[in-house]
Amino acid sequence: MTASAPAAGRTPRPVTPAGLAYGAGAYTFWGGLPLYMAATAPASALEVVFARIAFTLVTCAVLLFALRRWRDVGRQLGSGRRLGATALASVLITGNWAIYTYAVISGQTLEAALGYFINPLVSVLAGVVLFGERLRRAQWAAVALSVTAVVVMVVGHGAFPWLAILLALTFGGYGVVKSRLSTAVSPVASLGAETILLMPVSLAGMWWLATSDQMTLLSHGAGHFWILALSGVVTAIPLILFGAGASRLPLTLLGLLQYINPLIQFLIGLLLFQEAMSTGRWIGFILIWCALVVLMVDSLRAARRNPRPRHGP
């Protein structure tokens, strides 16, 4: 992808200003999500997730009807295999949303950021465990550094980073499932299909919150209602930007841009929310960052040795 002399018949995807803007915009948007989550107070994490499912489906429906692509949802759910994979993806992304929302609302944005810093390492391990891929020495070094980081955090900070690990596992698992599905369906249609399957959970959850006097959606004024209603737009916008960027950028650069997201989350948690950082946690974060540098350098070298063919426009 970044080779100066690509192999015959293989054209590396060029970096365009539009592609860079779309890709960076998507990850910047995702990085700023803690600010939105903080604005949803006093809603609980469960209510935010239930509302996010419902309003994301509404947003996807509007977009799909406007673009006349609603039939894509039928294709996504049209076979047993695709339906099963979509159902699994919907469970994983809901779990990810719930853990992330709880982390931010409960004052653990730094741990959420750690989860997304760890995610690329989880993807590497998934390749080994699920697909029998062999790791290069640099990748093993990155894994060793990340394991050391977790041990240091447990010993130095006094707690295992469960939220970070679960965030990385659910999002990494979601990525694996999505990678096994055909890319013929747009990201919006795919998300729409997932939220259709999740709507019974959303409706049942909202009913339970309402009957137990825990729902804030309709009882805290119009401003609060519209903040929660915006969850659909907040979910859809970065996804659309990411789709536009992915079709215009080399995969290597797209992979590097992903670190914008946890970096912004980290800065928000540290500087704006003023969450505590113990010495053990600082050392753990630094080890994770070192692991990511090793992983990025190795990925760039591998990309130069093996440029991939260009797909799409």
C-alpha atoms as a PDB file:
ATOM      1  CA  MET A   1       0.000   0.000   0.000  1.00  0.00           C
ATOM      2  CA  THR A   2       2.837   2.372   0.681  1.00  0.00           C
ATOM      3  CA  ALA A   3       5.488   0.726  -1.425  1.00  0.00           C
ATOM      4  CA  SER A   4       7.501   2.959  -3.677  1.00  0.00           C
ATOM      5  CA  ALA A   5       7.597   0.264  -6.353  1.00  0.00           C
ATOM      6  CA  PRO A   6       4.448  -1.828  -6.207  1.00  0.00           C
ATOM      7  CA  ALA A   7       4.260  -5.149  -7.945  1.00  0.00           C
ATOM      8  CA  ALA A   8       2.978  -5.263 -11.479  1.00  0.00           C
ATOM      9  CA  GLY A   9      -0.802  -5.104 -11.681  1.00  0.00           C
ATOM     10  CA  ARG A  10      -1.111  -3.786  -8.150  1.00  0.00           C
ATOM     11  CA  THR A  11      -1.910  -0.125  -7.664  1.00  0.00           C
ATOM     12  CA  PRO A  12      -1.731   1.194  -4.099  1.00  0.00           C
ATOM     13  CA  ARG A  13      -4.742   3.241  -3.124  1.00  0.00           C
ATOM     14  CA  PRO A  14      -3.637   6.900  -3.128  1.00  0.00           C
ATOM     15  CA  VAL A  15      -4.131   9.182  -0.146  1.00  0.00           C
ATOM     16  CA  THR A  16      -6.663  11.867  -1.037  1.00  0.00           C
ATOM     17  CA  PRO A  17      -7.509  14.955   1.051  1.00  0.00           C
ATOM     18  CA  ALA A  18     -11.167  13.916   1.070  1.00  0.00           C
ATOM     19  CA  GLY A  19     -10.345  10.389   2.213  1.00  0.00           C
ATOM     20  CA  LEU A  20      -8.079  11.682   4.967  1.00  0.00           C
ATOM     21  CA  ALA A  21     -10.760  14.129   6.118  1.00  0.00           C
ATOM     22  CA  TYR A  22     -13.435  11.412   6.177  1.00  0.00           C
ATOM     23  CA  GLY A  23     -11.251   8.915   8.035  1.00  0.00           C
ATOM     24  CA  ALA A  24      -9.890  11.389  10.559  1.00  0.00           C
ATOM     25  CA  GLY A  25     -13.369  12.871  10.991  1.00  0.00           C
ATOM     26  CA  ALA A  26     -14.869   9.479  11.828  1.00  0.00           C
ATOM     27  CA  TYR A  27     -12.298   8.670  14.491  1.00  0.00           C
ATOM     28  CA  THR A  28     -12.398  12.210  15.897  1.00  0.00           C
ATOM     29  CA  PHE A  29     -16.179  11.925  16.195  1.00  0.00           C
ATOM     30  CA  TRP A  30     -15.869   8.583  17.990  1.00  0.00           C
ATOM     31  CA  GLY A  31     -13.178  10.034  20.240  1.00  0.00           C
ATOM     32  CA  GLY A  32     -15.500  12.832  21.319  1.00  0.00           C
ATOM     33  CA  LEU A  33     -18.342  10.492  22.317  1.00  0.00           C
ATOM     34  CA  PRO A  34     -17.609  10.806  26.069  1.00  0.00           C
ATOM     35  CA  LEU A  35     -18.772  14.432  25.845  1.00  0.00           C
ATOM     36  CA  TYR A  36     -22.091  13.300  24.401  1.00  0.00           C
ATOM     37  CA  MET A  37     -22.463  10.497  26.958  1.00  0.00           C
ATOM     38  CA  ALA A  38     -21.865  12.956  29.789  1.00  0.00           C
ATOM     39  CA  ALA A  39     -24.668  15.148  28.403  1.00  0.00           C
ATOM     40  CA  THR A  40     -27.199  12.293  28.680  1.00  0.00           C
ATOM     41  CA  ALA A  41     -27.316  12.578  32.492  1.00  0.00           C
ATOM     42  CA  PRO A  42     -29.396  11.762  34.490  1.00  0.00           C
ATOM     43  CA  ALA A  43     -30.262   8.806  32.216  1.00  0.00           C
ATOM     44  CA  SER A  44     -28.767   5.487  33.289  1.00  0.00           C
ATOM     45  CA  ALA A  45     -26.390   3.543  31.065  1.00  0.00           C
ATOM     46  CA  LEU A  46     -29.160   1.045  30.287  1.00  0.00           C
ATOM     47  CA  GLU A  47     -31.581   3.769  29.220  1.00  0.00           C
ATOM     48  CA  VAL A  48     -28.953   5.351  26.977  1.00  0.00           C
ATOM     49  CA  VAL A  49     -28.318   1.989  25.289  1.00  0.00           C
ATOM     50  CA  PHE A  50     -32.022   1.198  24.846  1.00  0.00           C
ATOM     51  CA  ALA A  51     -32.631   4.680  23.428  1.00  0.00           C
ATOM     52  CA  ARG A  52     -29.579   4.403  21.184  1.00  0.00           C
ATOM     53  CA  ILE A  53     -30.897   1.191  19.635  1.00  0.00           C
ATOM     54  CA  ALA A  54     -34.317   2.699  18.920  1.00  0.00           C
ATOM     55  CA  PHE A  55     -33.131   6.048  17.589  1.00  0.00           C
ATOM     56  CA  THR A  56     -30.348   4.464  15.551  1.00  0.00           C
ATOM     57  CA  LEU A  57     -32.956   2.327  13.802  1.00  0.00           C
ATOM     58  CA  VAL A  58     -35.039   5.443  13.105  1.00  0.00           C
ATOM     59  CA  THR A  59     -31.989   7.249  11.695  1.00  0.00           C
ATOM     60  CA  CYS A  60     -31.003   4.275   9.531  1.00  0.00           C
ATOM     61  CA  ALA A  61     -34.580   3.940   8.248  1.00  0.00           C
ATOM     62  CA  VAL A  62     -34.691   7.602   7.220  1.00  0.00           C
ATOM     63  CA  LEU A  63     -31.335   7.332   5.439  1.00  0.00           C
ATOM     64  CA  LEU A  64     -32.187   4.069   3.695  1.00  0.00           C
ATOM     65  CA  PHE A  65     -35.547   5.320   2.453  1.00  0.00           C
ATOM     66  CA  ALA A  66     -33.980   8.596   1.298  1.00  0.00           C
ATOM     67  CA  LEU A  67     -31.297   6.673  -0.593  1.00  0.00           C
ATOM     68  CA  ARG A  68     -33.755   3.992  -1.744  1.00  0.00           C
ATOM     69  CA  ARG A  69     -31.551   1.287  -0.272  1.00  0.00           C
ATOM     70  CA  TRP A  70     -34.014  -0.326   2.144  1.00  0.00           C
ATOM     71  CA  ARG A  71     -33.826  -3.610   0.196  1.00  0.00           C
ATOM     72  CA  ASP A  72     -30.222  -3.927   1.368  1.00  0.00           C
ATOM     73  CA  VAL A  73     -31.577  -4.792   4.807  1.00  0.00           C
ATOM     74  CA  GLY A  74     -33.505  -7.685   3.289  1.00  0.00           C
ATOM     75  CA  ARG A  75     -30.286  -8.964   1.735  1.00  0.00           C
ATOM     76  CA  GLN A  76     -28.540  -8.705   5.078  1.00  0.00           C
ATOM     77  CA  LEU A  77     -31.208 -10.815   6.776  1.00  0.00           C
ATOM     78  CA  GLY A  78     -32.153 -12.956   3.789  1.00  0.00           C
ATOM     79  CA  SER A  79     -30.268 -16.166   4.572  1.00  0.00           C
ATOM     80  CA  GLY A  80     -29.820 -18.249   7.687  1.00  0.00           C
ATOM     81  CA  ARG A  81     -26.056 -17.761   7.731  1.00  0.00           C
ATOM     82  CA  ARG A  82     -26.245 -13.991   7.307  1.00  0.00           C
ATOM     83  CA  LEU A  83     -29.076 -13.730   9.819  1.00  0.00           C
ATOM     84  CA  GLY A  84     -27.084 -15.685  12.395  1.00  0.00           C
ATOM     85  CA  ALA A  85     -23.961 -13.591  11.832  1.00  0.00           C
ATOM     86  CA  THR A  86     -25.981 -10.358  12.015  1.00  0.00           C
ATOM     87  CA  ALA A  87     -27.622 -11.511  15.250  1.00  0.00           C
ATOM     88  CA  LEU A  88     -24.213 -12.273  16.768  1.00  0.00           C
ATOM     89  CA  ALA A  89     -22.886  -8.898  15.600  1.00  0.00           C
ATOM     90  CA  SER A  90     -25.887  -7.146  17.155  1.00  0.00           C
ATOM     91  CA  VAL A  91     -25.276  -8.845  20.513  1.00  0.00           C
ATOM     92  CA  LEU A  92     -21.589  -7.898  20.477  1.00  0.00           C
ATOM     93  CA  ILE A  93     -22.157  -4.258  19.520  1.00  0.00           C
ATOM     94  CA  THR A  94     -24.909  -3.890  22.137  1.00  0.00           C
ATOM     95  CA  GLY A  95     -22.571  -5.278  24.768  1.00  0.00           C
ATOM     96  CA  ASN A  96     -19.901  -2.859  23.595  1.00  0.00           C
ATOM     97  CA  TRP A  97     -22.298   0.100  23.745  1.00  0.00           C
ATOM     98  CA  ALA A  98     -23.458  -0.887  27.240  1.00  0.00           C
ATOM     99  CA  ILE A  99     -19.940  -1.304  28.634  1.00  0.00           C
ATOM    100  CA  TYR A 100     -18.718   1.913  27.032  1.00  0.00           C
ATOM    101  CA  THR A 101     -21.709   3.942  28.224  1.00  0.00           C
ATOM    102  CA  TYR A 102     -21.377   2.583  31.758  1.00  0.00           C
ATOM    103  CA  ALA A 103     -17.644   3.352  31.762  1.00  0.00           C
ATOM    104  CA  VAL A 104     -18.137   7.002  30.797  1.00  0.00           C
ATOM    105  CA  ILE A 105     -21.180   7.631  32.996  1.00  0.00           C
ATOM    106  CA  SER A 106     -19.463   6.035  36.008  1.00  0.00           C
ATOM    107  CA  GLY A 107     -16.340   8.188  35.619  1.00  0.00           C
ATOM    108  CA  GLN A 108     -14.097   5.594  33.952  1.00  0.00           C
ATOM    109  CA  THR A 109     -13.430   7.223  30.584  1.00  0.00           C
ATOM    110  CA  LEU A 110      -9.702   6.474  30.913  1.00  0.00           C
ATOM    111  CA  GLU A 111     -10.448   2.769  31.128  1.00  0.00           C
ATOM    112  CA  ALA A 112     -12.685   3.050  28.064  1.00  0.00           C
ATOM    113  CA  ALA A 113      -9.784   4.696  26.230  1.00  0.00           C
ATOM    114  CA  LEU A 114      -7.513   1.862  27.343  1.00  0.00           C
ATOM    115  CA  GLY A 115      -9.962  -0.626  25.836  1.00  0.00           C
ATOM    116  CA  TYR A 116      -9.710   0.983  22.413  1.00  0.00           C
ATOM    117  CA  PHE A 117      -5.921   1.228  22.684  1.00  0.00           C
ATOM    118  CA  ILE A 118      -5.881  -2.526  23.383  1.00  0.00           C
ATOM    119  CA  ASN A 119      -8.318  -3.373  20.576  1.00  0.00           C
ATOM    120  CA  PRO A 120      -5.699  -3.680  17.769  1.00  0.00           C
ATOM    121  CA  LEU A 121      -3.788  -6.174  19.921  1.00  0.00           C
ATOM    122  CA  VAL A 122      -6.973  -8.185  20.428  1.00  0.00           C
ATOM    123  CA  SER A 123      -7.407  -8.253  16.653  1.00  0.00           C
ATOM    124  CA  VAL A 124      -3.886  -9.670  16.305  1.00  0.00           C
ATOM    125  CA  LEU A 125      -4.642 -12.419  18.834  1.00  0.00           C
ATOM    126  CA  ALA A 126      -7.967 -13.159  17.128  1.00  0.00           C
ATOM    127  CA  GLY A 127      -6.069 -13.823  13.926  1.00  0.00           C
ATOM    128  CA  VAL A 128      -3.962 -16.426  15.740  1.00  0.00           C
ATOM    129  CA  VAL A 129      -6.744 -18.120  17.702  1.00  0.00           C
ATOM    130  CA  LEU A 130      -9.536 -18.062  15.119  1.00  0.00           C
ATOM    131  CA  PHE A 131      -7.736 -18.143  11.787  1.00  0.00           C
ATOM    132  CA  GLY A 132      -4.439 -19.854  12.577  1.00  0.00           C
ATOM    133  CA  GLU A 133      -2.337 -16.870  11.546  1.00  0.00           C
ATOM    134  CA  ARG A 134       1.330 -16.815  12.511  1.00  0.00           C
ATOM    135  CA  LEU A 135       2.673 -13.820  14.353  1.00  0.00           C
ATOM    136  CA  ARG A 136       5.871 -12.090  13.403  1.00  0.00           C
ATOM    137  CA  ARG A 137       8.448 -11.436  16.115  1.00  0.00           C
ATOM    138  CA  ALA A 138       7.433  -7.791  16.404  1.00  0.00           C
ATOM    139  CA  GLN A 139       3.802  -8.805  16.891  1.00  0.00           C
ATOM    140  CA  TRP A 140       4.782 -11.231  19.659  1.00  0.00           C
ATOM    141  CA  ALA A 141       6.770  -8.425  21.282  1.00  0.00           C
ATOM    142  CA  ALA A 142       3.699  -6.163  21.159  1.00  0.00           C
ATOM    143  CA  VAL A 143       1.549  -8.876  22.741  1.00  0.00           C
ATOM    144  CA  ALA A 144       4.147  -9.429  25.485  1.00  0.00           C
ATOM    145  CA  LEU A 145       4.249  -5.695  26.227  1.00  0.00           C
ATOM    146  CA  SER A 146       0.447  -5.530  26.453  1.00  0.00           C
ATOM    147  CA  VAL A 147       0.280  -8.506  28.836  1.00  0.00           C
ATOM    148  CA  THR A 148       2.975  -6.872  30.965  1.00  0.00           C
ATOM    149  CA  ALA A 149       0.935  -3.658  30.962  1.00  0.00           C
ATOM    150  CA  VAL A 150      -2.136  -5.456  32.313  1.00  0.00           C
ATOM    151  CA  VAL A 151      -0.062  -7.129  35.044  1.00  0.00           C
ATOM    152  CA  VAL A 152       1.470  -3.772  36.021  1.00  0.00           C
ATOM    153  CA  MET A 153      -1.989  -2.186  36.220  1.00  0.00           C
ATOM    154  CA  VAL A 154      -3.310  -5.003  38.391  1.00  0.00           C
ATOM    155  CA  VAL A 155      -0.352  -4.744  40.782  1.00  0.00           C
ATOM    156  CA  GLY A 156       0.140  -0.966  40.698  1.00  0.00           C
ATOM    157  CA  HIS A 157      -3.444   0.259  40.346  1.00  0.00           C
ATOM    158  CA  GLY A 158      -4.936  -2.479  42.503  1.00  0.00           C
ATOM    159  CA  ALA A 159      -7.636  -3.593  40.073  1.00  0.00           C
ATOM    160  CA  PHE A 160      -7.926  -5.668  36.916  1.00  0.00           C
ATOM    161  CA  PRO A 161      -9.032  -3.471  33.954  1.00  0.00           C
ATOM    162  CA  TRP A 162     -12.187  -5.490  33.289  1.00  0.00           C
ATOM    163  CA  LEU A 163     -14.028  -2.751  31.437  1.00  0.00           C
ATOM    164  CA  ALA A 164     -11.098  -2.126  29.091  1.00  0.00           C
ATOM    165  CA  ILE A 165     -10.665  -5.839  28.338  1.00  0.00           C
ATOM    166  CA  LEU A 166     -14.396  -6.367  27.761  1.00  0.00           C
ATOM    167  CA  LEU A 167     -14.573  -3.317  25.489  1.00  0.00           C
ATOM    168  CA  ALA A 168     -11.665  -4.610  23.427  1.00  0.00           C
ATOM    169  CA  LEU A 169     -13.108  -8.138  23.248  1.00  0.00           C
ATOM    170  CA  THR A 170     -16.632  -7.080  22.263  1.00  0.00           C
ATOM    171  CA  PHE A 171     -15.468  -4.588  19.640  1.00  0.00           C
ATOM    172  CA  GLY A 172     -12.790  -6.947  18.361  1.00  0.00           C
ATOM    173  CA  GLY A 173     -15.337  -9.757  18.151  1.00  0.00           C
ATOM    174  CA  TYR A 174     -17.745  -7.454  16.335  1.00  0.00           C
ATOM    175  CA  GLY A 175     -15.033  -6.674  13.807  1.00  0.00           C
ATOM    176  CA  VAL A 176     -14.307 -10.366  13.260  1.00  0.00           C
ATOM    177  CA  VAL A 177     -17.975 -11.178  12.654  1.00  0.00           C
ATOM    178  CA  LYS A 178     -18.401  -8.239  10.286  1.00  0.00           C
ATOM    179  CA  SER A 179     -15.294  -9.259   8.358  1.00  0.00           C
ATOM    180  CA  ARG A 180     -16.883 -12.630   7.620  1.00  0.00           C
ATOM    181  CA  LEU A 181     -19.953 -11.010   6.061  1.00  0.00           C
ATOM    182  CA  SER A 182     -20.073  -9.783   2.480  1.00  0.00           C
ATOM    183  CA  THR A 183     -19.315  -6.095   1.931  1.00  0.00           C
ATOM    184  CA  ALA A 184     -22.082  -5.858  -0.685  1.00  0.00           C
ATOM    185  CA  VAL A 185     -24.387  -4.212   1.869  1.00  0.00           C
ATOM    186  CA  SER A 186     -23.743  -0.609   2.948  1.00  0.00           C
ATOM    187  CA  PRO A 187     -22.688   0.089   6.569  1.00  0.00           C
ATOM    188  CA  VAL A 188     -25.968   1.934   7.194  1.00  0.00           C
ATOM    189  CA  ALA A 189     -28.016  -1.031   5.947  1.00  0.00           C
ATOM    190  CA  SER A 190     -25.924  -3.397   8.040  1.00  0.00           C
ATOM    191  CA  LEU A 191     -26.425  -1.271  11.156  1.00  0.00           C
ATOM    192  CA  GLY A 192     -30.132  -1.008  10.344  1.00  0.00           C
ATOM    193  CA  ALA A 193     -30.413  -4.800  10.183  1.00  0.00           C
ATOM    194  CA  GLU A 194     -28.632  -5.159  13.512  1.00  0.00           C
ATOM    195  CA  THR A 195     -30.890  -2.634  15.235  1.00  0.00           C
ATOM    196  CA  ILE A 196     -34.012  -4.315  13.805  1.00  0.00           C
ATOM    197  CA  LEU A 197     -32.978  -7.492  15.594  1.00  0.00           C
ATOM    198  CA  LEU A 198     -32.290  -5.492  18.758  1.00  0.00           C
ATOM    199  CA  MET A 199     -35.592  -3.590  18.833  1.00  0.00           C
ATOM    200  CA  PRO A 200     -37.439  -6.181  20.981  1.00  0.00           C
ATOM    201  CA  VAL A 201     -34.694  -5.793  23.587  1.00  0.00           C
ATOM    202  CA  SER A 202     -34.929  -2.001  23.377  1.00  0.00           C
ATOM    203  CA  LEU A 203     -38.711  -1.934  23.696  1.00  0.00           C
ATOM    204  CA  ALA A 204     -38.738  -4.430  26.566  1.00  0.00           C
ATOM    205  CA  GLY A 205     -36.013  -2.481  28.337  1.00  0.00           C
ATOM    206  CA  MET A 206     -37.774   0.859  27.934  1.00  0.00           C
ATOM    207  CA  TRP A 207     -41.034  -0.673  29.188  1.00  0.00           C
ATOM    208  CA  TRP A 208     -39.232  -2.044  32.246  1.00  0.00           C
ATOM    209  CA  LEU A 209     -37.623   1.326  32.955  1.00  0.00           C
ATOM    210  CA  ALA A 210     -40.976   3.088  32.588  1.00  0.00           C
ATOM    211  CA  THR A 211     -42.871   0.696  34.866  1.00  0.00           C
ATOM    212  CA  SER A 212     -40.140   0.840  37.507  1.00  0.00           C
ATOM    213  CA  ASP A 213     -40.079   4.655  37.406  1.00  0.00           C
ATOM    214  CA  GLN A 214     -36.488   4.771  36.127  1.00  0.00           C
ATOM    215  CA  MET A 215     -37.085   6.294  32.677  1.00  0.00           C
ATOM    216  CA  THR A 216     -35.954   9.876  32.118  1.00  0.00           C
ATOM    217  CA  LEU A 217     -36.636  10.132  28.369  1.00  0.00           C
ATOM    218  CA  LEU A 218     -40.091  11.690  28.740  1.00  0.00           C
ATOM    219  CA  SER A 219     -39.843  13.178  32.220  1.00  0.00           C
ATOM    220  CA  HIS A 220     -36.909  15.607  32.091  1.00  0.00           C
ATOM    221  CA  GLY A 221     -37.965  18.120  29.490  1.00  0.00           C
ATOM    222  CA  ALA A 222     -37.615  18.522  25.743  1.00  0.00           C
ATOM    223  CA  GLY A 223     -33.888  19.204  25.901  1.00  0.00           C
ATOM    224  CA  HIS A 224     -33.139  15.877  27.555  1.00  0.00           C
ATOM    225  CA  PHE A 225     -35.426  14.051  25.118  1.00  0.00           C
ATOM    226  CA  TRP A 226     -33.635  15.468  22.099  1.00  0.00           C
ATOM    227  CA  ILE A 227     -30.211  14.730  23.545  1.00  0.00           C
ATOM    228  CA  LEU A 228     -31.169  11.061  23.789  1.00  0.00           C
ATOM    229  CA  ALA A 229     -32.886  11.194  20.394  1.00  0.00           C
ATOM    230  CA  LEU A 230     -29.624  12.435  18.870  1.00  0.00           C
ATOM    231  CA  SER A 231     -28.013   9.107  19.784  1.00  0.00           C
ATOM    232  CA  GLY A 232     -29.125   7.755  16.414  1.00  0.00           C
ATOM    233  CA  VAL A 233     -27.436  10.568  14.521  1.00  0.00           C
ATOM    234  CA  VAL A 234     -24.363  10.347  16.757  1.00  0.00           C
ATOM    235  CA  THR A 235     -24.109   6.652  15.876  1.00  0.00           C
ATOM    236  CA  ALA A 236     -24.723   7.041  12.141  1.00  0.00           C
ATOM    237  CA  ILE A 237     -22.516  10.052  11.289  1.00  0.00           C
ATOM    238  CA  PRO A 238     -19.103   8.540  12.137  1.00  0.00           C
ATOM    239  CA  LEU A 239     -20.126   5.270  10.495  1.00  0.00           C
ATOM    240  CA  ILE A 240     -20.914   7.089   7.246  1.00  0.00           C
ATOM    241  CA  LEU A 241     -17.664   9.066   7.468  1.00  0.00           C
ATOM    242  CA  PHE A 242     -15.724   5.869   8.103  1.00  0.00           C
ATOM    243  CA  GLY A 243     -17.303   4.153   5.110  1.00  0.00           C
ATOM    244  CA  ALA A 244     -16.378   7.097   2.895  1.00  0.00           C
ATOM    245  CA  GLY A 245     -12.828   7.167   4.234  1.00  0.00           C
ATOM    246  CA  ALA A 246     -12.308   3.405   3.957  1.00  0.00           C
ATOM    247  CA  SER A 247     -13.045   3.505   0.227  1.00  0.00           C
ATOM    248  CA  ARG A 248     -10.529   6.315  -0.344  1.00  0.00           C
ATOM    249  CA  LEU A 249      -7.541   5.443   1.868  1.00  0.00           C
ATOM    250  CA  PRO A 250      -4.899   2.709   2.076  1.00  0.00           C
ATOM    251  CA  LEU A 251      -5.787   0.223   4.799  1.00  0.00           C
ATOM    252  CA  THR A 252      -2.468   0.907   6.523  1.00  0.00           C
ATOM    253  CA  LEU A 253      -3.257   4.608   6.930  1.00  0.00           C
ATOM    254  CA  LEU A 254      -6.800   3.812   8.022  1.00  0.00           C
ATOM    255  CA  GLY A 255      -5.333   1.523  10.666  1.00  0.00           C
ATOM    256  CA  LEU A 256      -3.078   4.295  11.936  1.00  0.00           C
ATOM    257  CA  LEU A 257      -5.935   6.798  12.086  1.00  0.00           C
ATOM    258  CA  GLN A 258      -7.846   4.540  14.494  1.00  0.00           C
ATOM    259  CA  TYR A 259      -5.609   5.689  17.364  1.00  0.00           C
ATOM    260  CA  ILE A 260      -7.157   9.166  17.138  1.00  0.00           C
ATOM    261  CA  ASN A 261     -10.237   7.748  18.879  1.00  0.00           C
ATOM    262  CA  PRO A 262      -8.689   6.459  22.144  1.00  0.00           C
ATOM    263  CA  LEU A 263      -6.210   9.342  22.246  1.00  0.00           C
ATOM    264  CA  ILE A 264      -9.044  11.896  22.310  1.00  0.00           C
ATOM    265  CA  GLN A 265     -10.924   9.809  24.878  1.00  0.00           C
ATOM    266  CA  PHE A 266      -7.785   9.654  27.009  1.00  0.00           C
ATOM    267  CA  LEU A 267      -7.332  13.438  26.887  1.00  0.00           C
ATOM    268  CA  ILE A 268     -11.009  14.032  27.703  1.00  0.00           C
ATOM    269  CA  GLY A 269     -10.857  11.676  30.681  1.00  0.00           C
ATOM    270  CA  LEU A 270      -7.580  13.097  31.969  1.00  0.00           C
ATOM    271  CA  LEU A 271      -7.968  16.832  31.288  1.00  0.00           C
ATOM    272  CA  LEU A 272     -11.714  17.546  31.158  1.00  0.00           C
ATOM    273  CA  PHE A 273     -13.151  14.898  33.480  1.00  0.00           C
ATOM    274  CA  GLN A 274      -9.983  14.960  35.648  1.00  0.00           C
ATOM    275  CA  GLU A 275     -10.030  11.240  36.351  1.00  0.00           C
ATOM    276  CA  ALA A 276      -7.268   9.908  38.589  1.00  0.00           C
ATOM    277  CA  MET A 277      -4.136   8.348  37.087  1.00  0.00           C
ATOM    278  CA  SER A 278      -2.060   6.289  39.512  1.00  0.00           C
ATOM    279  CA  THR A 279       1.594   5.525  38.851  1.00  0.00           C
ATOM    280  CA  GLY A 280       0.709   1.936  37.996  1.00  0.00           C
ATOM    281  CA  ARG A 281      -1.877   3.045  35.480  1.00  0.00           C
ATOM    282  CA  TRP A 282       0.563   5.502  33.880  1.00  0.00           C
ATOM    283  CA  ILE A 283       3.152   2.750  33.489  1.00  0.00           C
ATOM    284  CA  GLY A 284       0.503   0.437  32.037  1.00  0.00           C
ATOM    285  CA  PHE A 285      -0.621   3.025  29.499  1.00  0.00           C
ATOM    286  CA  ILE A 286       2.987   3.732  28.483  1.00  0.00           C
ATOM    287  CA  LEU A 287       3.628   0.012  27.939  1.00  0.00           C
ATOM    288  CA  ILE A 288       0.478  -0.237  25.804  1.00  0.00           C
ATOM    289  CA  TRP A 289       1.599   2.766  23.752  1.00  0.00           C
ATOM    290  CA  CYS A 290       5.010   1.141  23.261  1.00  0.00           C
ATOM    291  CA  ALA A 291       3.275  -2.044  22.105  1.00  0.00           C
ATOM    292  CA  LEU A 292       1.207  -0.047  19.623  1.00  0.00           C
ATOM    293  CA  VAL A 293       4.300   1.700  18.252  1.00  0.00           C
ATOM    294  CA  VAL A 294       5.911  -1.708  17.687  1.00  0.00           C
ATOM    295  CA  LEU A 295       2.722  -2.937  16.023  1.00  0.00           C
ATOM    296  CA  MET A 296       2.423   0.140  13.783  1.00  0.00           C
ATOM    297  CA  VAL A 297       6.050  -0.003  12.634  1.00  0.00           C
ATOM    298  CA  ASP A 298       5.700  -3.708  11.892  1.00  0.00           C
ATOM    299  CA  SER A 299       2.460  -3.128   9.960  1.00  0.00           C
ATOM    300  CA  LEU A 300       4.065  -0.394   7.858  1.00  0.00           C
ATOM    301  CA  ARG A 301       7.031  -2.621   7.034  1.00  0.00           C
ATOM    302  CA  ALA A 302       4.726  -5.498   6.102  1.00  0.00           C
ATOM    303  CA  ALA A 303       2.654  -3.186   3.901  1.00  0.00           C
ATOM    304  CA  ARG A 304       5.751  -2.013   2.039  1.00  0.00           C
ATOM    305  CA  ARG A 305       6.821  -5.604   1.418  1.00  0.00           C
ATOM    306  CA  ASN A 306       3.358  -6.781   0.356  1.00  0.00           C
ATOM    307  CA  PRO A 307       1.316  -3.973  -1.252  1.00  0.00           C
ATOM    308  CA  ARG A 308      -2.338  -4.933  -1.621  1.00  0.00           C
ATOM    309  CA  PRO A 309      -4.421  -4.475  -4.742  1.00  0.00           C
ATOM    310  CA  ARG A 310      -6.754  -1.550  -4.862  1.00  0.00           C
ATOM    311  CA  HIS A 311     -10.476  -2.210  -4.512  1.00  0.00           C
ATOM    312  CA  GLY A 312     -13.352   0.159  -5.163  1.00  0.00           C
ATOM    313  CA  PRO A 313     -13.216   3.649  -6.638  1.00  0.00           C
END
